[in-house]
């Protein structure tokens, strides 16, 4: 997952790809790292989805702009529109099913 640091980075990722993932993490967040590892495993098999990671604690303005008030948060964008938002309590099997369902419809 590529680290993103600015609003332009996010806009480019979301607008330049049919499917894009934004993952907001925090510093010293064990849950963030564990979930990130699992998400990267899911996305590894879905090469058309591009992803970016934003540290929500270091980039409060970006977190606020995207309505992120707790960490971690997973956002899936399809053709520039937020389609899926998952918070701290992630059911990884359900998340994978949802992502694959959208992926198969588009690609």
N, C-alpha and C. Protein backbone atom coordinates (compact mmCIF):
# COMPACT_ATOMS: atom_id res chain seq x y z
N UNK A 1 0.85 -1.17 0.00
CA UNK A 1 0.00 0.00 0.00
C UNK A 1 0.90 1.23 0.00
N UNK A 2 0.66 2.14 -0.93
CA UNK A 2 1.46 3.35 -1.01
C UNK A 2 1.02 4.36 0.04
N UNK A 3 1.99 5.05 0.62
CA UNK A 3 1.68 6.11 1.59
C UNK A 3 1.26 7.36 0.83
N UNK A 4 0.19 7.98 1.27
CA UNK A 4 -0.30 9.22 0.68
C UNK A 4 -0.19 10.33 1.71
N UNK A 5 0.18 11.53 1.24
CA UNK A 5 0.43 12.62 2.18
C UNK A 5 -0.36 13.88 1.88
N UNK A 6 -1.02 13.94 0.74
CA UNK A 6 -1.72 15.18 0.39
C UNK A 6 -3.07 14.87 -0.24
N UNK A 7 -3.89 15.88 -0.29
CA UNK A 7 -5.20 15.73 -0.91
C UNK A 7 -5.06 15.41 -2.40
N UNK A 8 -4.05 16.01 -3.05
CA UNK A 8 -3.82 15.71 -4.47
C UNK A 8 -3.48 14.24 -4.68
N UNK A 9 -2.68 13.66 -3.78
CA UNK A 9 -2.36 12.23 -3.87
C UNK A 9 -3.64 11.40 -3.84
N UNK A 10 -4.52 11.75 -2.92
CA UNK A 10 -5.78 11.00 -2.77
C UNK A 10 -6.66 11.19 -4.00
N UNK A 11 -6.81 12.43 -4.43
CA UNK A 11 -7.66 12.72 -5.59
C UNK A 11 -7.16 11.98 -6.82
N UNK A 12 -5.84 11.99 -7.02
CA UNK A 12 -5.27 11.28 -8.18
C UNK A 12 -5.53 9.78 -8.09
N UNK A 13 -5.35 9.20 -6.93
CA UNK A 13 -5.58 7.76 -6.76
C UNK A 13 -7.03 7.40 -7.06
N UNK A 14 -7.95 8.16 -6.49
CA UNK A 14 -9.38 7.86 -6.62
C UNK A 14 -9.87 8.13 -8.03
N UNK A 15 -9.45 9.23 -8.64
CA UNK A 15 -9.98 9.61 -9.95
C UNK A 15 -9.30 8.90 -11.12
N UNK A 16 -8.07 8.45 -10.94
CA UNK A 16 -7.33 7.82 -12.03
C UNK A 16 -7.53 6.31 -12.12
N UNK A 17 -8.30 5.74 -11.21
CA UNK A 17 -8.50 4.30 -11.19
C UNK A 17 -9.98 3.97 -11.04
N UNK A 18 -10.42 2.91 -11.73
CA UNK A 18 -11.83 2.51 -11.61
C UNK A 18 -12.15 2.11 -10.18
N UNK A 19 -11.22 1.41 -9.53
CA UNK A 19 -11.40 1.02 -8.13
C UNK A 19 -10.17 1.43 -7.35
N UNK A 20 -10.40 2.05 -6.20
CA UNK A 20 -9.29 2.49 -5.36
C UNK A 20 -9.67 2.31 -3.90
N UNK A 21 -8.66 2.01 -3.09
CA UNK A 21 -8.84 1.84 -1.66
C UNK A 21 -8.04 2.90 -0.93
N UNK A 22 -8.68 3.55 0.04
CA UNK A 22 -7.98 4.43 0.98
C UNK A 22 -8.06 3.75 2.33
N UNK A 23 -6.93 3.67 2.99
CA UNK A 23 -6.88 3.04 4.31
C UNK A 23 -6.27 4.04 5.28
N UNK A 24 -7.09 4.52 6.21
CA UNK A 24 -6.64 5.48 7.22
C UNK A 24 -6.15 4.72 8.45
N UNK A 25 -4.91 4.96 8.83
CA UNK A 25 -4.30 4.29 9.96
C UNK A 25 -3.86 5.30 11.00
N UNK A 26 -3.36 4.78 12.11
CA UNK A 26 -2.84 5.63 13.17
C UNK A 26 -1.46 5.16 13.59
N UNK A 27 -0.81 5.99 14.39
CA UNK A 27 0.51 5.64 14.90
C UNK A 27 0.35 4.65 16.05
N UNK A 28 1.24 3.70 16.13
CA UNK A 28 1.23 2.72 17.22
C UNK A 28 -0.13 2.05 17.39
N UNK A 29 -0.76 1.73 16.27
CA UNK A 29 -2.10 1.12 16.28
C UNK A 29 -1.95 -0.33 15.85
N UNK A 30 -2.01 -1.23 16.81
CA UNK A 30 -1.86 -2.65 16.51
C UNK A 30 -2.96 -3.17 15.60
N UNK A 31 -4.19 -2.75 15.85
CA UNK A 31 -5.31 -3.18 15.01
C UNK A 31 -5.13 -2.69 13.58
N UNK A 32 -4.64 -1.46 13.43
CA UNK A 32 -4.42 -0.89 12.09
C UNK A 32 -3.44 -1.75 11.30
N UNK A 33 -2.36 -2.15 11.92
CA UNK A 33 -1.33 -2.94 11.24
C UNK A 33 -1.84 -4.34 10.91
N UNK A 34 -2.54 -4.97 11.84
CA UNK A 34 -3.06 -6.32 11.60
C UNK A 34 -4.07 -6.32 10.45
N UNK A 35 -4.97 -5.35 10.45
CA UNK A 35 -5.99 -5.28 9.41
C UNK A 35 -5.35 -4.91 8.08
N UNK A 36 -4.37 -4.01 8.11
CA UNK A 36 -3.67 -3.62 6.88
C UNK A 36 -3.03 -4.84 6.23
N UNK A 37 -2.39 -5.68 7.01
CA UNK A 37 -1.75 -6.89 6.50
C UNK A 37 -2.78 -7.78 5.79
N UNK A 38 -3.94 -7.94 6.39
CA UNK A 38 -5.00 -8.77 5.80
C UNK A 38 -5.55 -8.14 4.52
N UNK A 39 -5.75 -6.81 4.53
CA UNK A 39 -6.26 -6.11 3.35
C UNK A 39 -5.28 -6.23 2.20
N UNK A 40 -4.00 -6.08 2.49
CA UNK A 40 -2.99 -6.22 1.43
C UNK A 40 -3.03 -7.62 0.83
N UNK A 41 -3.28 -8.62 1.66
CA UNK A 41 -3.42 -9.99 1.16
C UNK A 41 -4.61 -10.14 0.22
N UNK A 42 -5.71 -9.50 0.56
CA UNK A 42 -6.91 -9.54 -0.29
C UNK A 42 -6.62 -8.84 -1.62
N UNK A 43 -6.04 -7.64 -1.54
CA UNK A 43 -5.80 -6.83 -2.74
C UNK A 43 -4.73 -7.42 -3.65
N UNK A 44 -3.87 -8.23 -3.10
CA UNK A 44 -2.82 -8.86 -3.90
C UNK A 44 -3.40 -9.68 -5.04
N UNK A 45 -4.56 -10.27 -4.81
CA UNK A 45 -5.23 -11.09 -5.83
C UNK A 45 -6.17 -10.29 -6.72
N UNK A 46 -6.23 -8.98 -6.51
CA UNK A 46 -7.12 -8.11 -7.29
C UNK A 46 -6.27 -6.95 -7.83
N UNK A 47 -5.47 -7.21 -8.86
CA UNK A 47 -4.46 -6.24 -9.29
C UNK A 47 -4.99 -4.94 -9.88
N UNK A 48 -6.23 -4.90 -10.28
CA UNK A 48 -6.78 -3.66 -10.85
C UNK A 48 -7.13 -2.62 -9.78
N UNK A 49 -7.19 -3.03 -8.52
CA UNK A 49 -7.50 -2.11 -7.43
C UNK A 49 -6.20 -1.48 -6.94
N UNK A 50 -6.15 -0.16 -6.96
CA UNK A 50 -4.99 0.57 -6.45
C UNK A 50 -5.31 1.05 -5.04
N UNK A 51 -4.28 1.11 -4.20
CA UNK A 51 -4.54 1.43 -2.80
C UNK A 51 -3.55 2.45 -2.27
N UNK A 52 -3.99 3.16 -1.25
CA UNK A 52 -3.15 4.13 -0.58
C UNK A 52 -3.45 4.16 0.91
N UNK A 53 -2.42 4.45 1.68
CA UNK A 53 -2.52 4.50 3.14
C UNK A 53 -2.27 5.93 3.60
N UNK A 54 -3.11 6.41 4.51
CA UNK A 54 -2.97 7.74 5.06
C UNK A 54 -2.91 7.63 6.57
N UNK A 55 -1.94 8.26 7.18
CA UNK A 55 -1.88 8.31 8.63
C UNK A 55 -2.86 9.40 9.08
N UNK A 56 -3.97 8.98 9.65
CA UNK A 56 -5.02 9.92 10.05
C UNK A 56 -4.64 10.82 11.20
N UNK A 57 -3.70 10.39 12.02
CA UNK A 57 -3.26 11.22 13.14
C UNK A 57 -2.32 12.32 12.68
N UNK A 58 -1.49 12.02 11.70
CA UNK A 58 -0.56 13.02 11.17
C UNK A 58 -1.23 13.94 10.17
N UNK A 59 -2.31 13.48 9.55
CA UNK A 59 -3.01 14.25 8.52
C UNK A 59 -4.46 14.47 8.93
N UNK A 60 -4.65 15.19 10.01
CA UNK A 60 -6.00 15.41 10.54
C UNK A 60 -6.92 16.08 9.54
N UNK A 61 -6.39 16.99 8.75
CA UNK A 61 -7.23 17.69 7.76
C UNK A 61 -7.79 16.71 6.73
N UNK A 62 -6.97 15.76 6.29
CA UNK A 62 -7.44 14.75 5.33
C UNK A 62 -8.45 13.81 5.98
N UNK A 63 -8.16 13.40 7.20
CA UNK A 63 -9.09 12.52 7.92
C UNK A 63 -10.45 13.19 8.07
N UNK A 64 -10.43 14.45 8.45
CA UNK A 64 -11.68 15.19 8.64
C UNK A 64 -12.43 15.33 7.32
N UNK A 65 -11.71 15.65 6.27
CA UNK A 65 -12.33 15.83 4.95
C UNK A 65 -13.07 14.56 4.51
N UNK A 66 -12.52 13.40 4.86
CA UNK A 66 -13.14 12.14 4.46
C UNK A 66 -14.01 11.53 5.57
N UNK A 67 -14.31 12.30 6.59
CA UNK A 67 -15.21 11.84 7.64
C UNK A 67 -14.65 10.72 8.48
N UNK A 68 -13.34 10.71 8.67
CA UNK A 68 -12.68 9.67 9.45
C UNK A 68 -12.42 10.22 10.85
N UNK A 69 -13.12 9.66 11.84
CA UNK A 69 -12.99 10.13 13.22
C UNK A 69 -12.54 9.04 14.17
N UNK A 70 -12.33 7.85 13.65
CA UNK A 70 -11.74 6.76 14.42
C UNK A 70 -10.88 5.95 13.45
N UNK A 71 -9.96 5.21 13.99
CA UNK A 71 -9.02 4.47 13.15
C UNK A 71 -9.01 3.00 13.55
N UNK A 72 -8.78 2.11 12.63
CA UNK A 72 -8.60 2.30 11.19
C UNK A 72 -9.93 2.40 10.46
N UNK A 73 -9.87 2.97 9.26
CA UNK A 73 -11.03 3.07 8.38
C UNK A 73 -10.60 2.64 6.97
N UNK A 74 -11.39 1.78 6.38
CA UNK A 74 -11.18 1.29 5.02
C UNK A 74 -12.25 1.91 4.13
N UNK A 75 -11.82 2.57 3.05
CA UNK A 75 -12.76 3.16 2.10
C UNK A 75 -12.50 2.58 0.72
N UNK A 76 -13.55 2.10 0.08
CA UNK A 76 -13.46 1.62 -1.29
C UNK A 76 -14.18 2.60 -2.19
N UNK A 77 -13.47 3.07 -3.21
CA UNK A 77 -14.04 3.99 -4.19
C UNK A 77 -14.16 3.26 -5.52
N UNK A 78 -15.33 3.42 -6.15
CA UNK A 78 -15.54 2.88 -7.48
C UNK A 78 -15.93 4.04 -8.37
N UNK A 79 -15.12 4.22 -9.42
CA UNK A 79 -15.30 5.33 -10.36
C UNK A 79 -15.47 6.66 -9.63
N UNK A 80 -14.63 6.88 -8.63
CA UNK A 80 -14.60 8.16 -7.92
C UNK A 80 -15.60 8.34 -6.81
N UNK A 81 -16.46 7.35 -6.58
CA UNK A 81 -17.50 7.47 -5.55
C UNK A 81 -17.24 6.47 -4.43
N UNK A 82 -17.38 6.97 -3.20
CA UNK A 82 -17.23 6.06 -2.06
C UNK A 82 -18.35 5.04 -2.09
N UNK A 83 -17.95 3.77 -2.06
CA UNK A 83 -18.91 2.68 -2.18
C UNK A 83 -18.99 1.84 -0.91
N UNK A 84 -17.88 1.75 -0.20
CA UNK A 84 -17.82 0.90 0.98
C UNK A 84 -16.96 1.57 2.03
N UNK A 85 -17.46 1.57 3.28
CA UNK A 85 -16.73 2.15 4.42
C UNK A 85 -16.81 1.15 5.56
N UNK A 86 -15.64 0.72 6.01
CA UNK A 86 -15.58 -0.25 7.10
C UNK A 86 -14.70 0.33 8.20
N UNK A 87 -15.19 0.24 9.43
CA UNK A 87 -14.46 0.78 10.57
C UNK A 87 -13.67 -0.26 11.33
N UNK A 88 -13.45 0.01 12.57
CA UNK A 88 -12.56 -0.76 13.42
C UNK A 88 -12.92 -2.25 13.52
N UNK A 89 -14.18 -2.55 13.65
CA UNK A 89 -14.61 -3.95 13.78
C UNK A 89 -14.86 -4.53 12.39
N UNK A 90 -13.82 -5.09 11.81
CA UNK A 90 -13.86 -5.56 10.43
C UNK A 90 -14.09 -7.07 10.39
N UNK A 91 -15.10 -7.47 9.65
CA UNK A 91 -15.29 -8.89 9.33
C UNK A 91 -14.55 -9.09 8.01
N UNK A 92 -13.34 -9.63 8.08
CA UNK A 92 -12.48 -9.72 6.90
C UNK A 92 -13.06 -10.61 5.80
N UNK A 93 -13.77 -11.65 6.18
CA UNK A 93 -14.38 -12.51 5.16
C UNK A 93 -15.48 -11.77 4.41
N UNK A 94 -16.29 -11.02 5.14
CA UNK A 94 -17.34 -10.24 4.49
C UNK A 94 -16.74 -9.13 3.64
N UNK A 95 -15.69 -8.49 4.14
CA UNK A 95 -15.01 -7.44 3.38
C UNK A 95 -14.48 -8.01 2.07
N UNK A 96 -13.83 -9.16 2.14
CA UNK A 96 -13.28 -9.79 0.94
C UNK A 96 -14.38 -10.13 -0.06
N UNK A 97 -15.49 -10.68 0.43
CA UNK A 97 -16.62 -11.01 -0.46
C UNK A 97 -17.15 -9.76 -1.15
N UNK A 98 -17.31 -8.68 -0.39
CA UNK A 98 -17.84 -7.44 -0.96
C UNK A 98 -16.90 -6.86 -2.01
N UNK A 99 -15.61 -6.84 -1.72
CA UNK A 99 -14.64 -6.30 -2.66
C UNK A 99 -14.64 -7.14 -3.94
N UNK A 100 -14.61 -8.45 -3.79
CA UNK A 100 -14.59 -9.34 -4.96
C UNK A 100 -15.86 -9.21 -5.80
N UNK A 101 -16.98 -9.03 -5.13
CA UNK A 101 -18.25 -8.87 -5.85
C UNK A 101 -18.19 -7.64 -6.75
N UNK A 102 -17.75 -6.50 -6.19
CA UNK A 102 -17.61 -5.28 -7.00
C UNK A 102 -16.57 -5.46 -8.09
N UNK A 103 -15.47 -6.08 -7.74
CA UNK A 103 -14.37 -6.31 -8.69
C UNK A 103 -14.85 -7.11 -9.90
N UNK A 104 -15.59 -8.16 -9.64
CA UNK A 104 -16.08 -9.01 -10.73
C UNK A 104 -17.11 -8.31 -11.59
N UNK A 105 -17.88 -7.39 -11.03
CA UNK A 105 -18.84 -6.63 -11.82
C UNK A 105 -18.14 -5.65 -12.76
N UNK A 106 -17.02 -5.08 -12.30
CA UNK A 106 -16.35 -4.04 -13.08
C UNK A 106 -15.30 -4.62 -14.03
N UNK A 107 -14.58 -5.63 -13.58
CA UNK A 107 -13.50 -6.17 -14.41
C UNK A 107 -13.89 -7.56 -14.88
